[in-house]
Amino acid sequence: MAPPCPQCDQPDPTLLRLVLIGELLVADDTLLLRLAAVLRACGLLQPPPAPDAPASALERTRKALLHYLQQPGPKDE
């Protein structure tokens, strides 16, 4: 049996996540827009709510986002 080939093996998903997070933290606006376009094209990015969506749906989204952002983090507890 041939020894494993590092170039042919599937990459570790955890490592890929860490690399992606690290790149997002240092990305500029242009790179973030390109990444969003790729994610949207792949169907991995949810489309924004329609501008003519009922105000209640947009308000619920805003309230949920604010609630999430106001949650205390591990350092705040």
Protein backbone atom coordinates (compact mmCIF):
# COMPACT_ATOMS: atom_id res chain seq x y z
CA MET A 1 0.00 0.00 0.00
CA ALA A 2 1.32 3.45 -0.92
CA PRO A 3 2.00 5.95 1.88
CA PRO A 4 -0.57 8.73 2.29
CA CYS A 5 -0.11 11.81 0.16
CA PRO A 6 -0.50 15.12 2.10
CA GLN A 7 -1.48 17.00 -1.08
CA CYS A 8 -4.24 14.46 -1.89
CA ASP A 9 -5.74 14.04 1.59
CA GLN A 10 -8.83 15.99 2.57
CA PRO A 11 -7.98 19.00 4.77
CA ASP A 12 -9.15 19.06 8.37
CA PRO A 13 -12.42 21.10 8.61
CA THR A 14 -11.41 22.55 11.98
CA LEU A 15 -8.18 23.89 10.54
CA LEU A 16 -10.05 25.34 7.56
CA ARG A 17 -12.45 27.14 9.92
CA LEU A 18 -9.58 28.62 11.91
CA VAL A 19 -7.83 29.82 8.76
CA LEU A 20 -11.07 31.36 7.45
CA ILE A 21 -11.75 33.15 10.75
CA GLY A 22 -8.19 34.47 10.82
CA GLU A 23 -8.48 35.78 7.28
CA LEU A 24 -11.83 37.43 8.02
CA LEU A 25 -10.33 39.27 10.97
CA VAL A 26 -7.64 40.90 8.82
CA ALA A 27 -9.66 41.32 5.59
CA ASP A 28 -10.31 44.69 4.01
CA ASP A 29 -13.63 45.82 2.52
CA THR A 30 -12.82 44.63 -1.00
CA LEU A 31 -11.93 41.13 0.14
CA LEU A 32 -15.04 40.89 2.32
CA LEU A 33 -17.25 41.90 -0.62
CA ARG A 34 -15.60 39.27 -2.82
CA LEU A 35 -16.09 36.63 -0.14
CA ALA A 36 -19.75 37.61 0.27
CA ALA A 37 -20.23 37.29 -3.51
CA VAL A 38 -18.70 33.81 -3.51
CA LEU A 39 -20.79 32.70 -0.52
CA ARG A 40 -23.94 34.07 -2.15
CA ALA A 41 -23.13 32.31 -5.45
CA CYS A 42 -22.66 29.03 -3.58
CA GLY A 43 -25.93 29.46 -1.71
CA LEU A 44 -24.19 29.70 1.66
CA LEU A 45 -25.21 33.28 2.41
CA GLN A 46 -28.77 34.18 3.31
CA PRO A 47 -30.20 36.96 1.17
CA PRO A 48 -30.98 40.22 2.95
CA PRO A 49 -34.64 40.90 3.74
CA ALA A 50 -36.53 42.54 0.93
CA PRO A 51 -36.85 46.32 1.31
CA ASP A 52 -40.62 46.02 0.93
CA ALA A 53 -40.84 43.38 3.68
CA PRO A 54 -43.36 44.09 6.40
CA ALA A 55 -41.99 46.39 9.07
CA SER A 56 -42.73 43.79 11.73
CA ALA A 57 -40.37 41.26 10.11
CA LEU A 58 -37.57 43.81 9.85
CA GLU A 59 -38.22 44.98 13.40
CA ARG A 60 -38.05 41.39 14.72
CA THR A 61 -34.74 40.91 12.90
CA ARG A 62 -33.33 44.11 14.42
CA LYS A 63 -34.54 43.19 17.91
CA ALA A 64 -33.06 39.69 17.63
CA LEU A 65 -29.72 41.14 16.48
CA LEU A 66 -29.66 43.69 19.29
CA HIS A 67 -30.56 41.01 21.83
CA TYR A 68 -27.73 38.80 20.57
CA LEU A 69 -25.20 41.64 20.61
CA GLN A 70 -26.17 42.66 24.14
CA GLN A 71 -25.62 39.16 25.54
CA PRO A 72 -22.72 39.15 28.02
CA GLY A 73 -19.62 37.41 26.76
CA PRO A 74 -17.39 35.08 28.81
CA LYS A 75 -15.27 38.05 29.92
CA ASP A 76 -18.33 40.09 30.98
CA GLU A 77 -19.71 37.48 33.36
